[in-house]
Amino acid sequence: MSSTPGEASPKPEEAGLGAVEVVDLETVDVAVIRSLVAPGDVGAFMADALGMVAAALGEAATAPAGSPFARYFSMSADGLEVAAGFPVTAPFVGSGVVRSGELPAGRAAVTTYLGPFEGLEAAWAALRQRIEDLGERPGDDPWEVYFVGPGSGAPETEWRTELVWPLAPPESGGSDTPA
């Protein structure tokens, strides 16, 4: 999700991104599995986690209220901390490793990436650049929503992933301009 310092970020259109919008999000209740995952194991984790969350929701007679997602928290020498799950219509009590959680409210930059998962790293770098071009600062813990992907029958070139990057609050300065 980040580019190497000094490395040129691709332009959004070159990275398969659509228009970038700054939106105000509302809190969304979710059911997730959160884990520390080796970077090469993210795909396998996602498949397993989403299957387990879907099964836990089924056991609770609750249907997902939207498309699956993955949220990224931190990266260390031990791996990437990631949560995978589904939105739900009410807080989920939890079952085994499946826990309730929230996608936060607040301002975020949102765009759609069209293409295979291998292009997501470049798409995130392009989104970061676009956020900075807009005079904003990327915040913490972005997420992806998978609208069309594996199992859909669509070719990889038509996979559609929404990228959501919360924005950092504006820095307080000595401006006399009212907010």
C-alpha atoms as a PDB file:
ATOM      1  CA  MET A   1       0.000   0.000   0.000  1.00  0.00           C
ATOM      2  CA  SER A   2       2.955   2.309   0.047  1.00  0.00           C
ATOM      3  CA  SER A   3       5.696   3.136  -2.370  1.00  0.00           C
ATOM      4  CA  THR A   4       9.359   3.360  -1.591  1.00  0.00           C
ATOM      5  CA  PRO A   5      10.468   6.896  -0.664  1.00  0.00           C
ATOM      6  CA  GLY A   6      11.770   8.670  -3.731  1.00  0.00           C
ATOM      7  CA  GLU A   7       9.981   6.243  -6.025  1.00  0.00           C
ATOM      8  CA  ALA A   8       7.580   7.873  -8.466  1.00  0.00           C
ATOM      9  CA  SER A   9       3.960   6.939  -7.853  1.00  0.00           C
ATOM     10  CA  PRO A  10       1.921   5.982 -10.902  1.00  0.00           C
ATOM     11  CA  LYS A  11      -0.708   8.399 -12.095  1.00  0.00           C
ATOM     12  CA  PRO A  12      -4.205   7.329 -10.987  1.00  0.00           C
ATOM     13  CA  GLU A  13      -5.375   6.577 -14.531  1.00  0.00           C
ATOM     14  CA  GLU A  14      -2.226   4.501 -15.162  1.00  0.00           C
ATOM     15  CA  ALA A  15      -2.905   2.490 -12.006  1.00  0.00           C
ATOM     16  CA  GLY A  16      -6.447   1.547 -13.089  1.00  0.00           C
ATOM     17  CA  LEU A  17      -8.104   4.046 -10.730  1.00  0.00           C
ATOM     18  CA  GLY A  18     -11.316   5.876 -11.336  1.00  0.00           C
ATOM     19  CA  ALA A  19     -12.089   9.345 -10.037  1.00  0.00           C
ATOM     20  CA  VAL A  20     -11.067  10.038  -6.441  1.00  0.00           C
ATOM     21  CA  GLU A  21     -13.781  11.527  -4.238  1.00  0.00           C
ATOM     22  CA  VAL A  22     -13.519  12.902  -0.719  1.00  0.00           C
ATOM     23  CA  VAL A  23     -16.603  11.713   1.159  1.00  0.00           C
ATOM     24  CA  ASP A  24     -18.004  11.676   4.698  1.00  0.00           C
ATOM     25  CA  LEU A  25     -18.464   8.080   5.824  1.00  0.00           C
ATOM     26  CA  GLU A  26     -20.842   6.795   8.465  1.00  0.00           C
ATOM     27  CA  THR A  27     -19.844   4.050  10.897  1.00  0.00           C
ATOM     28  CA  VAL A  28     -20.510   0.537   9.561  1.00  0.00           C
ATOM     29  CA  ASP A  29     -20.855  -2.489  11.861  1.00  0.00           C
ATOM     30  CA  VAL A  30     -18.799  -5.465  10.660  1.00  0.00           C
ATOM     31  CA  ALA A  31     -17.993  -9.073  11.514  1.00  0.00           C
ATOM     32  CA  VAL A  32     -14.282  -9.805  11.040  1.00  0.00           C
ATOM     33  CA  ILE A  33     -11.291 -11.994  11.684  1.00  0.00           C
ATOM     34  CA  ARG A  34      -8.192  -9.952  12.476  1.00  0.00           C
ATOM     35  CA  SER A  35      -4.721 -11.472  12.340  1.00  0.00           C
ATOM     36  CA  LEU A  36      -1.029 -10.871  11.756  1.00  0.00           C
ATOM     37  CA  VAL A  37      -0.281 -12.352   8.329  1.00  0.00           C
ATOM     38  CA  ALA A  38       2.937 -12.825   6.354  1.00  0.00           C
ATOM     39  CA  PRO A  39       2.739 -10.630   3.211  1.00  0.00           C
ATOM     40  CA  GLY A  40       2.832 -13.674   0.915  1.00  0.00           C
ATOM     41  CA  ASP A  41      -0.062 -15.292   2.799  1.00  0.00           C
ATOM     42  CA  VAL A  42      -2.618 -12.454   2.561  1.00  0.00           C
ATOM     43  CA  GLY A  43      -4.576 -14.093  -0.282  1.00  0.00           C
ATOM     44  CA  ALA A  44      -4.902 -17.406   1.558  1.00  0.00           C
ATOM     45  CA  PHE A  45      -5.797 -15.600   4.801  1.00  0.00           C
ATOM     46  CA  MET A  46      -8.500 -13.617   2.987  1.00  0.00           C
ATOM     47  CA  ALA A  47     -10.089 -16.717   1.454  1.00  0.00           C
ATOM     48  CA  ASP A  48     -10.069 -18.593   4.774  1.00  0.00           C
ATOM     49  CA  ALA A  49     -11.207 -15.618   6.871  1.00  0.00           C
ATOM     50  CA  LEU A  50     -14.074 -14.638   4.584  1.00  0.00           C
ATOM     51  CA  GLY A  51     -15.300 -18.249   4.514  1.00  0.00           C
ATOM     52  CA  MET A  52     -15.167 -18.456   8.311  1.00  0.00           C
ATOM     53  CA  VAL A  53     -16.945 -15.108   8.771  1.00  0.00           C
ATOM     54  CA  ALA A  54     -19.661 -16.112   6.293  1.00  0.00           C
ATOM     55  CA  ALA A  55     -20.137 -19.414   8.151  1.00  0.00           C
ATOM     56  CA  ALA A  56     -20.351 -17.635  11.541  1.00  0.00           C
ATOM     57  CA  LEU A  57     -22.937 -15.220  10.147  1.00  0.00           C
ATOM     58  CA  GLY A  58     -24.916 -18.150   8.748  1.00  0.00           C
ATOM     59  CA  GLU A  59     -24.856 -19.908  12.134  1.00  0.00           C
ATOM     60  CA  ALA A  60     -26.179 -16.701  13.707  1.00  0.00           C
ATOM     61  CA  ALA A  61     -28.931 -16.489  11.034  1.00  0.00           C
ATOM     62  CA  THR A  62     -27.441 -13.161   9.915  1.00  0.00           C
ATOM     63  CA  ALA A  63     -26.700 -12.326   6.297  1.00  0.00           C
ATOM     64  CA  PRO A  64     -23.845 -10.072   5.214  1.00  0.00           C
ATOM     65  CA  ALA A  65     -25.121  -6.532   4.584  1.00  0.00           C
ATOM     66  CA  GLY A  66     -22.680  -5.867   1.743  1.00  0.00           C
ATOM     67  CA  SER A  67     -19.543  -6.929  -0.077  1.00  0.00           C
ATOM     68  CA  PRO A  68     -16.499  -8.457   1.640  1.00  0.00           C
ATOM     69  CA  PHE A  69     -13.621  -6.180   2.634  1.00  0.00           C
ATOM     70  CA  ALA A  70     -10.102  -6.182   4.043  1.00  0.00           C
ATOM     71  CA  ARG A  71      -8.736  -3.489   6.337  1.00  0.00           C
ATOM     72  CA  TYR A  72      -5.016  -2.929   6.821  1.00  0.00           C
ATOM     73  CA  PHE A  73      -3.644  -1.783  10.171  1.00  0.00           C
ATOM     74  CA  SER A  74       0.120  -2.016  10.440  1.00  0.00           C
ATOM     75  CA  MET A  75       3.113  -3.720   8.917  1.00  0.00           C
ATOM     76  CA  SER A  76       6.121  -4.932  10.884  1.00  0.00           C
ATOM     77  CA  ALA A  77       8.940  -7.430  10.460  1.00  0.00           C
ATOM     78  CA  ASP A  78       6.441 -10.049  11.685  1.00  0.00           C
ATOM     79  CA  GLY A  79       3.891  -9.349   8.946  1.00  0.00           C
ATOM     80  CA  LEU A  80       0.829  -7.331   8.076  1.00  0.00           C
ATOM     81  CA  GLU A  81      -2.018  -6.868  10.554  1.00  0.00           C
ATOM     82  CA  VAL A  82      -5.212  -7.275   8.553  1.00  0.00           C
ATOM     83  CA  ALA A  83      -8.921  -7.784   9.223  1.00  0.00           C
ATOM     84  CA  ALA A  84     -11.234  -9.451   6.720  1.00  0.00           C
ATOM     85  CA  GLY A  85     -14.988  -9.684   6.914  1.00  0.00           C
ATOM     86  CA  PHE A  86     -18.396  -8.394   5.942  1.00  0.00           C
ATOM     87  CA  PRO A  87     -20.615  -5.491   6.946  1.00  0.00           C
ATOM     88  CA  VAL A  88     -23.630  -6.459   9.074  1.00  0.00           C
ATOM     89  CA  THR A  89     -26.899  -4.677   9.857  1.00  0.00           C
ATOM     90  CA  ALA A  90     -26.299  -4.669  13.642  1.00  0.00           C
ATOM     91  CA  PRO A  91     -23.320  -5.315  15.911  1.00  0.00           C
ATOM     92  CA  PHE A  92     -22.330  -8.977  15.700  1.00  0.00           C
ATOM     93  CA  VAL A  93     -21.911 -10.771  19.029  1.00  0.00           C
ATOM     94  CA  GLY A  94     -19.003 -12.877  17.781  1.00  0.00           C
ATOM     95  CA  SER A  95     -18.348 -16.567  17.463  1.00  0.00           C
ATOM     96  CA  GLY A  96     -14.953 -18.239  17.906  1.00  0.00           C
ATOM     97  CA  VAL A  97     -12.337 -16.169  16.078  1.00  0.00           C
ATOM     98  CA  VAL A  98     -15.006 -14.024  14.383  1.00  0.00           C
ATOM     99  CA  ARG A  99     -15.468 -10.727  16.203  1.00  0.00           C
ATOM    100  CA  SER A 100     -17.593  -7.631  15.869  1.00  0.00           C
ATOM    101  CA  GLY A 101     -16.018  -4.386  14.775  1.00  0.00           C
ATOM    102  CA  GLU A 102     -16.616  -1.170  12.902  1.00  0.00           C
ATOM    103  CA  LEU A 103     -15.465   0.644   9.837  1.00  0.00           C
ATOM    104  CA  PRO A 104     -15.123   4.196  11.147  1.00  0.00           C
ATOM    105  CA  ALA A 105     -17.039   7.332  10.320  1.00  0.00           C
ATOM    106  CA  GLY A 106     -15.168  10.335   9.000  1.00  0.00           C
ATOM    107  CA  ARG A 107     -13.701  11.911   5.914  1.00  0.00           C
ATOM    108  CA  ALA A 108     -12.075   9.541   3.434  1.00  0.00           C
ATOM    109  CA  ALA A 109     -10.742   9.447  -0.100  1.00  0.00           C
ATOM    110  CA  VAL A 110     -12.596   6.804  -2.104  1.00  0.00           C
ATOM    111  CA  THR A 111     -11.921   5.450  -5.567  1.00  0.00           C
ATOM    112  CA  THR A 112     -12.476   2.305  -7.605  1.00  0.00           C
ATOM    113  CA  TYR A 113      -9.659   0.146  -8.934  1.00  0.00           C
ATOM    114  CA  LEU A 114     -10.386  -2.000 -11.988  1.00  0.00           C
ATOM    115  CA  GLY A 115      -8.067  -4.950 -12.546  1.00  0.00           C
ATOM    116  CA  PRO A 116      -6.331  -7.941 -10.970  1.00  0.00           C
ATOM    117  CA  PHE A 117      -5.225  -7.983  -7.347  1.00  0.00           C
ATOM    118  CA  GLU A 118      -1.568  -7.819  -8.447  1.00  0.00           C
ATOM    119  CA  GLY A 119      -2.163  -4.159  -9.391  1.00  0.00           C
ATOM    120  CA  LEU A 120      -3.491  -3.084  -5.991  1.00  0.00           C
ATOM    121  CA  GLU A 121      -0.122  -1.972  -4.586  1.00  0.00           C
ATOM    122  CA  ALA A 122       0.337   0.488  -7.481  1.00  0.00           C
ATOM    123  CA  ALA A 123      -3.297   1.582  -7.091  1.00  0.00           C
ATOM    124  CA  TRP A 124      -2.741   2.377  -3.386  1.00  0.00           C
ATOM    125  CA  ALA A 125       0.415   4.351  -4.246  1.00  0.00           C
ATOM    126  CA  ALA A 126      -1.516   6.324  -6.878  1.00  0.00           C
ATOM    127  CA  LEU A 127      -4.332   7.005  -4.407  1.00  0.00           C
ATOM    128  CA  ARG A 128      -1.824   8.270  -1.824  1.00  0.00           C
ATOM    129  CA  GLN A 129      -0.387  10.637  -4.425  1.00  0.00           C
ATOM    130  CA  ARG A 130      -3.857  11.860  -5.403  1.00  0.00           C
ATOM    131  CA  ILE A 131      -4.730  12.509  -1.737  1.00  0.00           C
ATOM    132  CA  GLU A 132      -1.588  14.608  -1.372  1.00  0.00           C
ATOM    133  CA  ASP A 133      -2.336  16.405  -4.677  1.00  0.00           C
ATOM    134  CA  LEU A 134      -5.708  17.376  -3.163  1.00  0.00           C
ATOM    135  CA  GLY A 135      -3.893  18.991  -0.223  1.00  0.00           C
ATOM    136  CA  GLU A 136      -5.015  16.260   2.178  1.00  0.00           C
ATOM    137  CA  ARG A 137      -3.064  13.844   4.364  1.00  0.00           C
ATOM    138  CA  PRO A 138      -3.662  10.087   4.363  1.00  0.00           C
ATOM    139  CA  GLY A 139      -4.893   8.799   7.705  1.00  0.00           C
ATOM    140  CA  ASP A 140      -4.639   5.358   9.238  1.00  0.00           C
ATOM    141  CA  ASP A 141      -6.044   1.917   8.510  1.00  0.00           C
ATOM    142  CA  PRO A 142      -7.356   2.006   4.910  1.00  0.00           C
ATOM    143  CA  TRP A 143      -9.530  -0.757   3.498  1.00  0.00           C
ATOM    144  CA  GLU A 144     -10.602  -2.444   0.262  1.00  0.00           C
ATOM    145  CA  VAL A 145     -14.148  -3.515  -0.628  1.00  0.00           C
ATOM    146  CA  TYR A 146     -14.362  -6.352  -3.177  1.00  0.00           C
ATOM    147  CA  PHE A 147     -17.342  -5.818  -5.475  1.00  0.00           C
ATOM    148  CA  VAL A 148     -16.221  -8.122  -8.312  1.00  0.00           C
ATOM    149  CA  GLY A 149     -13.361 -10.571  -7.833  1.00  0.00           C
ATOM    150  CA  PRO A 150     -12.455 -14.243  -7.607  1.00  0.00           C
ATOM    151  CA  GLY A 151     -15.457 -16.510  -7.879  1.00  0.00           C
ATOM    152  CA  SER A 152     -17.508 -13.937  -9.818  1.00  0.00           C
ATOM    153  CA  GLY A 153     -16.778 -15.498 -13.188  1.00  0.00           C
ATOM    154  CA  ALA A 154     -15.541 -12.116 -14.469  1.00  0.00           C
ATOM    155  CA  PRO A 155     -12.077 -11.908 -16.038  1.00  0.00           C
ATOM    156  CA  GLU A 156      -9.410 -10.328 -13.806  1.00  0.00           C
ATOM    157  CA  THR A 157      -9.385  -7.204 -15.975  1.00  0.00           C
ATOM    158  CA  GLU A 158     -12.992  -6.583 -14.834  1.00  0.00           C
ATOM    159  CA  TRP A 159     -12.458  -7.152 -11.111  1.00  0.00           C
ATOM    160  CA  ARG A 160     -13.663  -4.078  -9.215  1.00  0.00           C
ATOM    161  CA  THR A 161     -12.236  -3.097  -5.840  1.00  0.00           C
ATOM    162  CA  GLU A 162     -13.145   0.053  -3.937  1.00  0.00           C
ATOM    163  CA  LEU A 163     -10.219   1.659  -2.087  1.00  0.00           C
ATOM    164  CA  VAL A 164     -11.134   3.668   1.014  1.00  0.00           C
ATOM    165  CA  TRP A 165      -8.426   5.719   2.725  1.00  0.00           C
ATOM    166  CA  PRO A 166      -9.461   7.686   5.825  1.00  0.00           C
ATOM    167  CA  LEU A 167      -8.049  11.205   5.815  1.00  0.00           C
ATOM    168  CA  ALA A 168      -6.043  12.649   8.665  1.00  0.00           C
ATOM    169  CA  PRO A 169      -7.701  15.549  10.473  1.00  0.00           C
ATOM    170  CA  PRO A 170      -6.581  18.963   9.216  1.00  0.00           C
ATOM    171  CA  GLU A 171      -3.532  20.247  10.999  1.00  0.00           C
ATOM    172  CA  SER A 172      -4.406  23.091  13.303  1.00  0.00           C
ATOM    173  CA  GLY A 173      -2.589  26.213  12.329  1.00  0.00           C
ATOM    174  CA  GLY A 174      -2.610  29.844  13.223  1.00  0.00           C
ATOM    175  CA  SER A 175      -5.078  30.742  10.481  1.00  0.00           C
ATOM    176  CA  ASP A 176      -7.712  33.375  11.204  1.00  0.00           C
ATOM    177  CA  THR A 177      -9.977  31.895   8.564  1.00  0.00           C
ATOM    178  CA  PRO A 178     -13.161  30.426  10.095  1.00  0.00           C
ATOM    179  CA  ALA A 179     -13.708  26.738   9.516  1.00  0.00           C
END
